[in-house]
Every structure is written in C-alpha cells, then in structure tokens.
Amino acid sequence: MTHIKLPFSFKELQKTEFKIVSAIYAFAILTLISSGNNAHDIPYEFSQAGIRFNYIYNYFIPAVFKYSLLYFSFLLLNFCSLPALYRKTNTGMHLCLIFIVFVFAGLIISVTRTYSQAFLLIRYDTIQDAYEQIFFNGFGYAAWLVVLIAIYVALKNLIFHFANQQERNDLSQQKLEILFGSIIWFAGILFWLATNAGFQVIICWTLISATAIWLFIHSVYELIPQIFDTAKKPLRTYLYKLSGLILISLIATCLLAFLISGRNQLIPIVIAFNLPVQYLITAPLAWQIYKRRNSTAEQIYKLKKELGQTDANLNFLKSQINPHFLFNALNTLYGTALQEKADRTSEGIQKLGDMMRFMLQENMQDKISLIRDLDYLKNYIDLQKLRTSQSVDITISTQIEEQFTELQISPMLLIPFVENAFKHGISLQQPSHIKITLQTKENTLYFDVHNSIHLKSENDPERTHSGIGLENVKQRLMLLYPAKHELLIRESAKEFFVHLTLKL
C-alpha cells in the first residue's frame, strides 16, 4: 500500500491553468489581428445571401467578443464560482453568479451572431423567426459552455479528492492517472470546440489521447518494471517493445477512425499525429515518471532502514536509563540551585528537564502541537543564551510569534536549523550574531534564521556537534511535506541564511 501524492499542489495547477489559458487567449487575439481580411468562407455566405460583408463588423468584432467571453467565463467559473460550490461556500451567491454568466454569455453570443451570421436572416419566413432561432442557439451554446467547464472542474476536484486518500494501491493509482489523462483530453475538447474545430479534429484528438493514456499506464505498471532490472540496456529494450505496441495501437486507431468517420482521408492524419505524440511525449514521460518513483521508493526504504536502526538505539537507551530517576535528579539539582540562589543555573536545569521530557515523550509521535514544538525550540535557545550571555560581542535576536491555534507539525523539523546556526554562527573570540524569526499566517508557517559564519577552533564545544543535519531535514521535508514546503538556503562568506515556508 502506498500513499498517492501528486507532483503539484492545487494552487500550482491553478497558476498553470491561468498561464495556459491566458497564452491561448493572447494567441487567438494576435492571430485574429494578423489574419487581416481572411475570414474564411464567411464573405462567400454573405454574397450568396445578397448581403454586404464588412470584415470589422461581421467578423473581427464578433470574434473578439467570443474569444473574450470564453476566456473570462472560464476564469470566473473555474477559479471562483465552481470551486466555491465544491467547498459549499456562499452557495446561493455563486449559483446566482453562474446564472448571470449563463445569461450574459447567451446574450453576447446571440447578439454577435446577428452580425457574424447575418446571412442566416433571409433563410427564415420572418425576421422574428430568424432572431428567435439565433438567440435559441446562442443560449444553447452558453449552456454547453457552463456545463463543459463544470465537468472539467468536477474532474479536477475529483483527482485531488482521490489523491488525498491516505492509503491506496497500484490499481487506485492507475485510476487516478487515467482520470488525470481524461482531464487533459477534456481540456483539449474544450479548446477544439472553442475554436470551432471540425468533427474530424475532435475524433483524432480523442483517439490519440486514448492511445497515449493506455500506453502510459501499460508502460509504467507493466512494461518498464519487467525490463528495468533485467535488461542490460533497459531504455533500448523499452523503446523496442513499445514500438510493437504503438504499431498495434496505430492499426486499431486507424480502423476506429474509419468506422467513426466513414472516410479514408482521416487515416493519414491519425498516423501523422499519433506517432510523434507517442514517441516524443508518452514514451519519455512514462520512462521518467517510473524512474522518479523507483528512486523515491529506494530513498524511502533507505530512510526507513535508518529510522529502524535509530529507533532500536533509542529503545536500547530508554531501557538502560530510568527517566524518572533523571527527572528526580534534575529536580534535586534545581532545588539545590534555588537554595544557593543560583538563578541562572536553576533556570537552565528547569529548561533542560523540559527538553528531556519532550525528547522522551512527544518526540516519538508523528505529529505534535506547534505550540509544544516551539516550547522546545525556545528552551534550546534560552540554554544557548545562558552559555553565551557573558560575551558582549554575541547578539542573539528572536522574534517567535505566540501561537494560539492548534496547528500540528512533525517534531524536530525546526530545531536543526537553529542548532546549525549556533554551531557555525557563534564564536567566543569574534563578534557573532543570530537572528531567528517565526510567524504563522492562516495555515502557513514562515521561519527565517540568519547567522554569522566562523571557522571552528579545535577546542570549541560546538565543533563536533552536528544535530540531525540539514540534509536529513531536507529529506524529511520532501517525504512529510511534498509540494507543501519551500526551503531556501543562502550562504556568503560571512553569513548563512535559511528561509522555510511550510503549509501545516
């Protein structure tokens, strides 16, 4: 059983959607402008109807309105109203907004068609009948527009809902990827319909997309695993066997294209586009994704093995040491320090006891309260301040925002960065500084650590102290918070800087 993780977040997908749709819209407008008076067969239709054709009023302006309507309707429905309905947020308001989009789109399409399709007016008995038919078709187009975008958004949300399930097997992963491929196919259908592409184009797109989805699933879960560890040259063997599958699928798609369209002319088009798509897109994509998953699985196995050894060592230590004895001993030392009025010593002992309790109890959990994790962090910083408080050349600044929400975090993710700062940023002989800031906004944590850099001397007590290690933390972040964190590390000759953004 494996946990399904998408290689991108929902917000990242939305950003990509916006860029792609905006690029298509800009390309359509630029193409329209650069096409000049090329309006395809429309002038002929006007001349046959005995109506004077004006390129600006009968083609250019209606086309601009249509492209703009499609663009802004998609933005509003895909990014605002339909996701709000999925989350059940302000349902009534967004239903009204969708209805307004439908009415507005129907009016725009209908009115522009009275200009772009004015040649149809003479085909009806009365002008009233002509307008009724044009407006009926216009509102039908608007209804299909809303329905198709709604289906696209539903499929997209279904993917992320399905991916968030905790435990899944390979069959569920395959279903998720088929669903994702279906979204790409459906987005293509939306594009072809928006550009008034012919029925043959839609048939070709559907056949090529179906072939690509089948080849991808078969390659990732059957073909590549069989040859990856056994063949001497796995990539060459993969391409050789895949060529046979592509040939078989090509025969099948050509036959289907002929049966659906009833025309032989569609077969060369299917061949011309199918082969490049499968060889240049599907095959490399399947190979790279399998290699990436295989590498991730090996890393997880290695980390689990190391974690098992660490757990064994920790259990051994816990079996050798009675925590109650340690806590009682610390309490005795704490009481003695208070009697001797050694305030700084008693404070340090108390914080050390709290840290030991955290390490033996809460550190073993998968998730803990952010408040408790920050308590451990503050205790560590305070102990370091006790050690360095006598040096006027050492500046330690902390701005850790007080937490009042019950956010959860994996334990010991933040402390390695602070340990690293004290290890490399403190010198008892040279001016040193450390600045630590932490704040949360909604469910996102922002954590910054600045520290000076010094070469360690042989007798420095922090010289051999390594903490968990930054590389280990990077791997933990990739495993525990994939697509939910951003880690930036910058180093200069005199300063080290870490910035962590974490979605909790």
Protein backbone atom coordinates (compact mmCIF):
# COMPACT_ATOMS: atom_id res chain seq x y z
CA MET A 1 0.00 0.00 0.00
CA THR A 2 1.35 3.39 -0.96
CA HIS A 3 0.18 6.91 -0.45
CA ILE A 4 -0.75 8.77 -3.63
CA LYS A 5 0.99 12.10 -4.00
CA LEU A 6 0.55 14.46 -6.93
CA PRO A 7 3.68 16.24 -8.19
CA PHE A 8 1.93 19.59 -7.81
CA SER A 9 -0.47 21.34 -5.46
CA PHE A 10 -3.94 22.63 -6.31
CA LYS A 11 -2.70 26.24 -6.33
CA GLU A 12 0.21 25.33 -8.59
CA LEU A 13 -2.24 23.71 -11.01
CA GLN A 14 -4.40 26.84 -10.96
CA LYS A 15 -1.37 29.00 -11.76
CA THR A 16 -0.51 26.73 -14.68
CA GLU A 17 -4.11 26.79 -15.89
CA PHE A 18 -4.15 30.58 -15.80
CA LYS A 19 -0.90 30.83 -17.77
CA ILE A 20 -2.03 28.34 -20.42
CA VAL A 21 -5.50 29.84 -20.88
CA SER A 22 -4.08 33.38 -21.00
CA ALA A 23 -1.49 32.31 -23.57
CA ILE A 24 -4.19 30.69 -25.73
CA TYR A 25 -6.37 33.82 -25.46
CA ALA A 26 -3.48 36.11 -26.40
CA PHE A 27 -2.50 33.83 -29.29
CA ALA A 28 -6.10 33.78 -30.57
CA ILE A 29 -6.36 37.59 -30.48
CA LEU A 30 -2.97 38.04 -32.15
CA THR A 31 -3.88 35.50 -34.83
CA LEU A 32 -7.14 37.32 -35.40
CA ILE A 33 -5.35 40.65 -35.78
CA SER A 34 -2.63 39.28 -38.05
CA SER A 35 -5.06 37.42 -40.30
CA GLY A 36 -6.14 40.68 -41.92
CA ASN A 37 -9.23 40.27 -44.08
CA ASN A 38 -9.01 36.49 -44.11
CA ALA A 39 -12.46 35.47 -42.84
CA HIS A 40 -12.54 32.00 -44.42
CA ASP A 41 -15.88 31.23 -46.13
CA ILE A 42 -17.96 33.88 -44.38
CA PRO A 43 -17.75 36.52 -47.18
CA TYR A 44 -18.99 33.91 -49.63
CA GLU A 45 -22.01 33.16 -47.41
CA PHE A 46 -22.83 36.86 -47.26
CA SER A 47 -22.53 37.27 -51.03
CA GLN A 48 -24.78 34.27 -51.63
CA ALA A 49 -27.37 35.89 -49.37
CA GLY A 50 -27.03 39.21 -51.19
CA ILE A 51 -25.83 41.00 -48.05
CA ARG A 52 -22.83 43.32 -47.99
CA PHE A 53 -19.97 41.89 -45.88
CA ASN A 54 -17.95 44.15 -43.57
CA TYR A 55 -14.83 42.50 -42.11
CA ILE A 56 -14.80 44.61 -38.93
CA TYR A 57 -18.49 44.37 -38.02
CA ASN A 58 -19.31 40.93 -39.41
CA TYR A 59 -16.16 39.03 -38.41
CA PHE A 60 -13.46 40.78 -36.35
CA ILE A 61 -15.54 42.34 -33.54
CA PRO A 62 -17.81 39.26 -33.08
CA ALA A 63 -14.71 37.03 -32.91
CA VAL A 64 -13.05 39.29 -30.30
CA PHE A 65 -16.22 39.22 -28.21
CA LYS A 66 -16.44 35.45 -28.50
CA TYR A 67 -12.81 34.80 -27.50
CA SER A 68 -13.05 37.29 -24.63
CA LEU A 69 -16.30 35.74 -23.43
CA LEU A 70 -14.77 32.25 -23.40
CA TYR A 71 -11.65 33.50 -21.60
CA PHE A 72 -13.32 35.49 -18.83
CA SER A 73 -16.12 32.94 -18.36
CA PHE A 74 -13.52 30.22 -17.84
CA LEU A 75 -11.60 32.37 -15.34
CA LEU A 76 -14.72 33.23 -13.34
CA LEU A 77 -16.22 29.74 -13.31
CA ASN A 78 -13.00 27.73 -12.94
CA PHE A 79 -11.26 29.87 -10.31
CA CYS A 80 -14.17 31.39 -8.39
CA SER A 81 -17.77 30.18 -8.59
CA LEU A 82 -17.49 26.44 -9.26
CA PRO A 83 -14.71 25.82 -6.66
CA ALA A 84 -16.83 27.75 -4.13
CA LEU A 85 -19.76 25.43 -4.84
CA TYR A 86 -17.47 22.44 -4.38
CA ARG A 87 -16.41 23.81 -0.98
CA LYS A 88 -20.04 24.77 -0.19
CA THR A 89 -19.04 28.38 0.45
CA ASN A 90 -21.66 31.10 -0.22
CA THR A 91 -23.61 28.63 -2.35
CA GLY A 92 -26.54 30.93 -3.08
CA MET A 93 -24.39 33.83 -4.20
CA HIS A 94 -22.26 31.70 -6.53
CA LEU A 95 -25.29 29.95 -8.04
CA CYS A 96 -26.65 33.40 -8.88
CA LEU A 97 -23.26 34.35 -10.31
CA ILE A 98 -23.21 31.24 -12.53
CA PHE A 99 -26.72 32.07 -13.74
CA ILE A 100 -25.61 35.62 -14.53
CA VAL A 101 -22.65 34.23 -16.51
CA PHE A 102 -25.04 31.98 -18.43
CA VAL A 103 -27.43 34.84 -19.25
CA PHE A 104 -24.63 37.26 -20.12
CA ALA A 105 -22.88 34.66 -22.30
CA GLY A 106 -26.13 33.81 -24.06
CA LEU A 107 -26.80 37.46 -24.83
CA ILE A 108 -23.26 38.15 -26.05
CA ILE A 109 -23.18 35.06 -28.29
CA SER A 110 -26.65 35.74 -29.67
CA VAL A 111 -26.09 39.43 -30.38
CA THR A 112 -22.70 38.85 -32.03
CA ARG A 113 -24.20 36.11 -34.20
CA THR A 114 -26.75 38.58 -35.56
CA TYR A 115 -23.69 40.26 -37.11
CA SER A 116 -21.39 37.32 -37.87
CA GLN A 117 -24.25 35.15 -39.18
CA ALA A 118 -26.47 37.84 -40.67
CA PHE A 119 -26.67 35.79 -43.86
CA LEU A 120 -28.97 33.38 -41.98
CA LEU A 121 -31.66 36.03 -41.56
CA ILE A 122 -33.02 35.55 -45.08
CA ARG A 123 -33.45 31.79 -44.62
CA TYR A 124 -36.47 32.22 -42.34
CA ASP A 125 -40.00 33.32 -43.13
CA THR A 126 -39.82 36.36 -40.85
CA ILE A 127 -37.06 38.33 -39.19
CA GLN A 128 -38.64 37.44 -35.84
CA ASP A 129 -38.23 33.71 -36.55
CA ALA A 130 -34.60 34.30 -37.50
CA TYR A 131 -33.82 36.18 -34.31
CA GLU A 132 -35.60 33.58 -32.18
CA GLN A 133 -33.53 30.79 -33.72
CA ILE A 134 -30.25 32.73 -33.36
CA PHE A 135 -30.96 33.54 -29.71
CA PHE A 136 -32.08 29.98 -29.02
CA ASN A 137 -28.81 28.63 -30.43
CA GLY A 138 -26.83 31.33 -28.59
CA PHE A 139 -28.26 30.42 -25.20
CA GLY A 140 -27.79 26.74 -26.02
CA TYR A 141 -24.12 27.48 -26.68
CA ALA A 142 -23.91 29.33 -23.35
CA ALA A 143 -25.49 26.39 -21.52
CA TRP A 144 -22.98 23.97 -23.05
CA LEU A 145 -20.18 26.35 -22.11
CA VAL A 146 -21.19 26.33 -18.43
CA VAL A 147 -21.80 22.57 -18.39
CA LEU A 148 -18.46 21.69 -20.01
CA ILE A 149 -16.48 23.95 -17.67
CA ALA A 150 -18.40 22.46 -14.71
CA ILE A 151 -17.47 18.93 -15.86
CA TYR A 152 -13.83 19.98 -16.18
CA VAL A 153 -13.79 21.47 -12.66
CA ALA A 154 -15.54 18.39 -11.25
CA LEU A 155 -12.96 16.06 -12.80
CA LYS A 156 -10.13 18.22 -11.48
CA ASN A 157 -11.53 18.27 -7.94
CA LEU A 158 -12.16 14.54 -8.12
CA ILE A 159 -8.48 13.96 -8.84
CA PHE A 160 -7.35 15.91 -5.77
CA HIS A 161 -10.04 14.35 -3.59
CA PHE A 162 -8.95 10.91 -4.73
CA ALA A 163 -5.26 11.73 -4.25
CA ASN A 164 -5.84 12.86 -0.65
CA GLN A 165 -6.99 9.40 0.40
CA GLN A 166 -4.46 8.09 2.90
CA GLU A 167 -3.81 4.56 1.70
CA ARG A 168 -4.06 3.39 -1.90
CA ASN A 169 -2.73 0.55 -4.03
CA ASP A 170 -1.40 0.46 -7.59
CA LEU A 171 -4.89 -0.04 -9.01
CA SER A 172 -6.11 3.17 -7.37
CA GLN A 173 -3.00 4.98 -8.62
CA GLN A 174 -3.80 3.82 -12.14
CA LYS A 175 -7.38 5.07 -11.82
CA LEU A 176 -6.08 8.44 -10.65
CA GLU A 177 -3.73 8.73 -13.62
CA ILE A 178 -6.46 7.68 -16.07
CA LEU A 179 -8.63 10.40 -14.55
CA PHE A 180 -5.83 12.93 -14.96
CA GLY A 181 -5.38 11.91 -18.59
CA SER A 182 -9.12 12.29 -19.09
CA ILE A 183 -8.89 15.87 -17.83
CA ILE A 184 -6.20 16.64 -20.42
CA TRP A 185 -8.40 15.07 -23.12
CA PHE A 186 -11.45 17.02 -21.93
CA ALA A 187 -9.48 20.29 -21.82
CA GLY A 188 -8.49 19.61 -25.42
CA ILE A 189 -12.14 19.07 -26.34
CA LEU A 190 -12.98 22.45 -24.77
CA PHE A 191 -10.23 24.07 -26.81
CA TRP A 192 -11.31 22.50 -30.11
CA LEU A 193 -14.95 23.41 -29.51
CA ALA A 194 -13.99 26.99 -28.64
CA THR A 195 -12.04 27.31 -31.89
CA ASN A 196 -14.86 25.78 -33.99
CA ALA A 197 -12.67 22.83 -34.96
CA GLY A 198 -14.28 20.22 -37.17
CA PHE A 199 -15.61 16.84 -36.10
CA GLN A 200 -12.61 15.09 -37.63
CA VAL A 201 -10.19 17.05 -35.43
CA ILE A 202 -12.10 16.01 -32.31
CA ILE A 203 -12.05 12.36 -33.46
CA CYS A 204 -8.27 12.48 -34.00
CA TRP A 205 -7.69 14.15 -30.61
CA THR A 206 -9.84 11.55 -28.84
CA LEU A 207 -8.15 8.56 -30.49
CA ILE A 208 -4.63 9.90 -29.89
CA SER A 209 -5.42 10.79 -26.24
CA ALA A 210 -6.92 7.35 -25.55
CA THR A 211 -3.86 5.66 -27.07
CA ALA A 212 -1.48 7.83 -25.02
CA ILE A 213 -3.31 7.06 -21.75
CA TRP A 214 -3.27 3.31 -22.44
CA LEU A 215 0.40 3.25 -23.44
CA PHE A 216 1.38 5.33 -20.39
CA ILE A 217 -0.45 3.07 -17.91
CA HIS A 218 0.83 -0.12 -19.53
CA SER A 219 4.41 1.20 -19.68
CA VAL A 220 4.60 2.45 -16.08
CA TYR A 221 2.93 -0.54 -14.42
CA GLU A 222 3.74 -3.48 -16.72
CA LEU A 223 6.34 -2.95 -19.42
CA ILE A 224 9.06 -0.88 -17.70
CA PRO A 225 9.04 -2.81 -14.36
CA GLN A 226 9.55 -6.06 -16.29
CA ILE A 227 12.65 -4.84 -18.13
CA PHE A 228 14.12 -2.21 -15.80
CA ASP A 229 16.09 -4.57 -13.57
CA THR A 230 16.60 -7.45 -16.01
CA ALA A 231 17.57 -5.99 -19.40
CA LYS A 232 21.18 -4.97 -19.99
CA LYS A 233 20.03 -1.88 -21.89
CA PRO A 234 16.58 -1.19 -20.42
CA LEU A 235 15.86 2.02 -22.34
CA ARG A 236 16.62 0.44 -25.72
CA THR A 237 14.59 -2.66 -24.83
CA TYR A 238 11.72 -0.46 -23.67
CA LEU A 239 11.62 1.52 -26.92
CA TYR A 240 11.84 -1.70 -28.96
CA LYS A 241 8.89 -3.33 -27.20
CA LEU A 242 6.95 -0.08 -27.10
CA SER A 243 7.27 0.24 -30.88
CA GLY A 244 5.35 -3.01 -31.28
CA LEU A 245 2.58 -1.73 -29.01
CA ILE A 246 2.44 1.58 -30.88
CA LEU A 247 2.12 -0.28 -34.19
CA ILE A 248 -0.75 -2.39 -32.85
CA SER A 249 -2.49 0.66 -31.39
CA LEU A 250 -1.97 2.55 -34.65
CA ILE A 251 -3.80 -0.14 -36.62
CA ALA A 252 -6.64 -0.08 -34.10
CA THR A 253 -6.96 3.73 -34.10
CA CYS A 254 -6.95 3.90 -37.91
CA LEU A 255 -9.70 1.28 -38.04
CA LEU A 256 -11.75 3.18 -35.46
CA ALA A 257 -11.20 6.46 -37.31
CA PHE A 258 -12.56 4.89 -40.49
CA LEU A 259 -15.55 3.30 -38.73
CA ILE A 260 -16.49 6.53 -36.93
CA SER A 261 -15.99 8.99 -39.77
CA GLY A 262 -16.54 6.70 -42.74
CA ARG A 263 -13.68 8.43 -44.58
CA ASN A 264 -10.25 7.19 -45.60
CA GLN A 265 -8.88 10.74 -45.53
CA LEU A 266 -8.75 10.69 -41.72
CA ILE A 267 -6.31 7.76 -41.53
CA PRO A 268 -3.17 9.66 -42.74
CA ILE A 269 -3.95 12.44 -40.24
CA VAL A 270 -4.18 9.95 -37.37
CA ILE A 271 -0.88 8.36 -38.39
CA ALA A 272 0.88 11.71 -38.85
CA PHE A 273 -0.01 12.95 -35.36
CA ASN A 274 -0.21 9.69 -33.41
CA LEU A 275 3.36 8.53 -33.98
CA PRO A 276 5.10 11.78 -32.86
CA VAL A 277 2.86 12.08 -29.79
CA GLN A 278 3.56 8.54 -28.59
CA TYR A 279 7.31 8.58 -29.32
CA LEU A 280 8.11 12.15 -28.26
CA ILE A 281 5.68 12.63 -25.35
CA THR A 282 4.14 9.42 -23.98
CA ALA A 283 7.23 7.19 -24.07
CA PRO A 284 9.70 9.66 -22.44
CA LEU A 285 7.09 10.73 -19.87
CA ALA A 286 6.36 7.15 -18.79
CA TRP A 287 10.09 6.35 -18.55
CA GLN A 288 10.94 9.43 -16.47
CA ILE A 289 7.99 9.01 -14.10
CA TYR A 290 8.84 5.37 -13.45
CA LYS A 291 12.49 6.23 -12.77
CA ARG A 292 11.46 9.02 -10.42
CA ARG A 293 9.09 6.77 -8.49
CA ASN A 294 11.65 4.00 -8.31
CA SER A 295 14.25 6.42 -6.95
CA THR A 296 11.78 7.76 -4.38
CA ALA A 297 10.91 4.22 -3.27
CA GLU A 298 14.60 3.43 -2.77
CA GLN A 299 15.07 6.59 -0.70
CA ILE A 300 12.06 5.73 1.45
CA TYR A 301 13.40 2.22 2.03
CA LYS A 302 16.81 3.61 2.99
CA LEU A 303 15.29 6.15 5.38
CA LYS A 304 13.03 3.53 6.94
CA LYS A 305 16.04 1.30 7.46
CA GLU A 306 17.99 4.13 9.10
CA LEU A 307 14.94 5.07 11.15
CA GLY A 308 14.58 1.49 12.31
CA GLN A 309 18.19 1.50 13.49
CA THR A 310 17.66 4.82 15.25
CA ASP A 311 14.53 3.50 16.95
CA ALA A 312 16.43 0.44 18.09
CA ASN A 313 19.21 2.59 19.55
CA LEU A 314 16.71 4.86 21.26
CA ASN A 315 14.79 1.94 22.73
CA PHE A 316 18.06 0.50 23.98
CA LEU A 317 18.97 3.77 25.68
CA LYS A 318 15.50 4.11 27.15
CA SER A 319 15.75 0.59 28.54
CA GLN A 320 19.07 1.46 30.21
CA ILE A 321 18.01 4.76 31.71
CA ASN A 322 15.12 5.32 34.03
CA PRO A 323 13.55 8.65 33.03
CA HIS A 324 12.01 9.07 36.47
CA PHE A 325 15.44 8.87 38.06
CA LEU A 326 16.75 11.56 35.70
CA PHE A 327 13.80 13.86 36.36
CA ASN A 328 14.14 13.35 40.12
CA ALA A 329 17.85 14.09 39.91
CA LEU A 330 17.21 17.25 37.92
CA ASN A 331 14.56 18.34 40.42
CA THR A 332 17.09 17.81 43.22
CA LEU A 333 19.68 19.92 41.41
CA TYR A 334 17.02 22.53 40.66
CA GLY A 335 16.08 22.77 44.35
CA THR A 336 19.75 22.99 45.37
CA ALA A 337 20.37 25.79 42.87
CA LEU A 338 17.41 27.74 44.24
CA GLN A 339 18.67 27.33 47.82
CA GLU A 340 22.07 28.62 46.76
CA LYS A 341 20.37 31.48 44.87
CA ALA A 342 21.94 30.35 41.60
CA ASP A 343 19.10 31.69 39.47
CA ARG A 344 20.73 31.14 36.09
CA THR A 345 21.71 27.57 36.98
CA SER A 346 18.22 26.71 38.24
CA GLU A 347 16.66 28.19 35.11
CA GLY A 348 18.95 26.12 32.90
CA ILE A 349 18.20 22.92 34.81
CA GLN A 350 14.47 23.51 34.52
CA LYS A 351 14.66 24.07 30.77
CA LEU A 352 16.88 21.02 30.34
CA GLY A 353 14.30 18.92 32.19
CA ASP A 354 11.53 20.18 29.92
CA MET A 355 13.62 19.35 26.86
CA MET A 356 14.35 15.82 28.11
CA ARG A 357 10.66 15.24 28.78
CA PHE A 358 9.89 16.38 25.23
CA MET A 359 12.56 14.11 23.73
CA LEU A 360 11.38 11.02 25.62
CA GLN A 361 7.64 11.53 25.16
CA GLU A 362 6.38 13.83 22.40
CA ASN A 363 9.33 13.42 20.04
CA MET A 364 8.18 9.85 19.29
CA GLN A 365 4.86 10.99 17.80
CA ASP A 366 4.23 11.56 14.08
CA LYS A 367 2.61 14.96 14.66
CA ILE A 368 2.59 17.24 17.70
CA SER A 369 1.19 20.63 18.56
CA LEU A 370 3.18 23.50 17.05
CA ILE A 371 3.00 25.19 20.45
CA ARG A 372 4.87 22.30 22.11
CA ASP A 373 7.47 22.16 19.34
CA LEU A 374 8.12 25.88 19.74
CA ASP A 375 8.42 25.45 23.51
CA TYR A 376 11.29 23.03 22.90
CA LEU A 377 12.83 25.47 20.42
CA LYS A 378 12.62 28.34 22.90
CA ASN A 379 14.15 26.24 25.68
CA TYR A 380 17.07 25.34 23.43
CA ILE A 381 17.64 28.98 22.50
CA ASP A 382 17.44 30.04 26.15
CA LEU A 383 20.05 27.45 27.14
CA GLN A 384 22.35 28.73 24.41
CA LYS A 385 21.81 32.27 25.64
CA LEU A 386 22.87 31.18 29.14
CA ARG A 387 26.09 29.82 27.67
CA THR A 388 26.87 32.99 25.72
CA SER A 389 25.34 35.68 27.93
CA GLN A 390 28.71 36.79 29.34
CA SER A 391 30.02 37.75 25.89
CA VAL A 392 29.08 41.29 24.79
CA ASP A 393 30.09 40.52 21.19
CA ILE A 394 27.39 37.89 20.73
CA THR A 395 23.93 39.08 19.68
CA ILE A 396 21.04 36.62 19.69
CA SER A 397 17.71 38.01 18.49
CA THR A 398 14.45 36.04 18.39
CA GLN A 399 11.01 37.03 17.14
CA ILE A 400 8.86 33.95 17.60
CA GLU A 401 5.18 34.72 17.25
CA GLU A 402 2.95 33.47 20.05
CA GLN A 403 0.72 30.63 18.86
CA PHE A 404 -2.96 30.36 19.77
CA THR A 405 -4.16 27.84 17.18
CA GLU A 406 -3.89 24.06 17.34
CA LEU A 407 -1.67 23.65 14.29
CA GLN A 408 0.18 20.33 14.04
CA ILE A 409 3.75 19.76 12.87
CA SER A 410 6.16 16.86 12.63
CA PRO A 411 8.53 17.12 15.62
CA MET A 412 12.16 18.22 15.33
CA LEU A 413 11.83 19.87 11.91
CA LEU A 414 12.79 23.38 13.02
CA ILE A 415 15.44 22.73 15.66
CA PRO A 416 18.19 21.50 13.23
CA PHE A 417 18.29 24.92 11.56
CA VAL A 418 18.73 26.60 14.94
CA GLU A 419 21.35 24.05 16.01
CA ASN A 420 23.22 24.72 12.79
CA ALA A 421 23.08 28.47 13.46
CA PHE A 422 24.62 28.10 16.93
CA LYS A 423 27.16 25.59 15.68
CA HIS A 424 28.51 27.82 12.90
CA GLY A 425 27.33 31.26 13.99
CA ILE A 426 28.80 31.61 17.47
CA SER A 427 32.42 32.42 18.24
CA LEU A 428 33.67 33.30 21.72
CA GLN A 429 36.55 35.28 20.17
CA GLN A 430 34.82 37.19 17.33
CA PRO A 431 31.64 39.27 17.01
CA SER A 432 28.73 36.97 16.24
CA HIS A 433 25.03 37.29 15.58
CA ILE A 434 22.00 35.06 15.22
CA LYS A 435 18.51 36.23 14.28
CA ILE A 436 15.53 33.85 14.37
CA THR A 437 12.04 34.85 13.25
CA LEU A 438 8.91 32.70 13.09
CA GLN A 439 5.32 33.54 12.30
CA THR A 440 2.20 31.80 11.03
CA LYS A 441 -0.41 33.17 8.68
CA GLU A 442 -3.55 31.06 8.31
CA ASN A 443 -2.10 27.53 7.97
CA THR A 444 1.34 28.51 6.67
CA LEU A 445 4.50 28.77 8.80
CA TYR A 446 7.29 31.21 7.86
CA PHE A 447 10.65 30.53 9.50
CA ASP A 448 13.89 32.51 8.96
CA VAL A 449 17.33 32.00 10.50
CA HIS A 450 20.26 34.40 9.92
CA ASN A 451 23.65 33.71 11.48
CA SER A 452 27.26 34.74 11.11
CA ILE A 453 29.85 32.17 9.99
CA HIS A 454 33.13 31.38 11.77
CA LEU A 455 35.75 28.72 11.36
CA LYS A 456 35.70 26.46 14.42
CA SER A 457 38.75 26.06 16.59
CA GLU A 458 39.89 22.69 17.89
CA ASN A 459 38.66 23.33 21.46
CA ASP A 460 35.24 24.80 20.53
CA PRO A 461 32.49 22.78 22.29
CA GLU A 462 30.17 23.05 19.23
CA ARG A 463 32.81 21.82 16.79
CA THR A 464 31.80 18.15 16.88
CA HIS A 465 28.08 18.74 17.44
CA SER A 466 26.09 18.09 14.27
CA GLY A 467 22.45 17.85 15.35
CA ILE A 468 20.19 15.94 12.99
CA GLY A 469 21.81 17.54 9.98
CA LEU A 470 20.38 19.79 7.31
CA GLU A 471 20.49 17.10 4.63
CA ASN A 472 18.38 14.81 6.80
CA VAL A 473 15.87 17.59 7.35
CA LYS A 474 15.65 18.23 3.60
CA GLN A 475 14.79 14.58 3.03
CA ARG A 476 12.22 14.61 5.84
CA LEU A 477 10.58 17.69 4.35
CA MET A 478 10.39 16.04 0.93
CA LEU A 479 8.80 12.92 2.42
CA LEU A 480 6.49 14.52 5.00
CA TYR A 481 5.52 17.74 3.20
CA PRO A 482 5.79 17.14 -0.56
CA ALA A 483 4.59 20.16 -2.56
CA LYS A 484 3.82 21.83 0.77
CA HIS A 485 7.13 23.44 1.62
CA GLU A 486 9.72 25.82 0.20
CA LEU A 487 13.26 25.72 1.59
CA LEU A 488 15.80 28.36 0.59
CA ILE A 489 19.39 28.24 1.86
CA ARG A 490 21.85 31.02 1.05
CA GLU A 491 25.47 31.24 2.19
CA SER A 492 28.01 34.02 1.79
CA ALA A 493 31.49 34.47 3.20
CA LYS A 494 30.16 35.97 6.43
CA GLU A 495 26.51 34.94 6.76
CA PHE A 496 24.27 31.91 6.49
CA PHE A 497 20.53 32.30 5.79
CA VAL A 498 17.67 29.80 5.87
CA HIS A 499 14.07 30.51 4.85
CA LEU A 500 11.40 27.83 5.29
CA THR A 501 7.77 28.15 4.22
CA LEU A 502 5.65 25.24 5.44
CA LYS A 503 1.96 24.53 4.86
CA LEU A 504 0.71 22.81 8.00
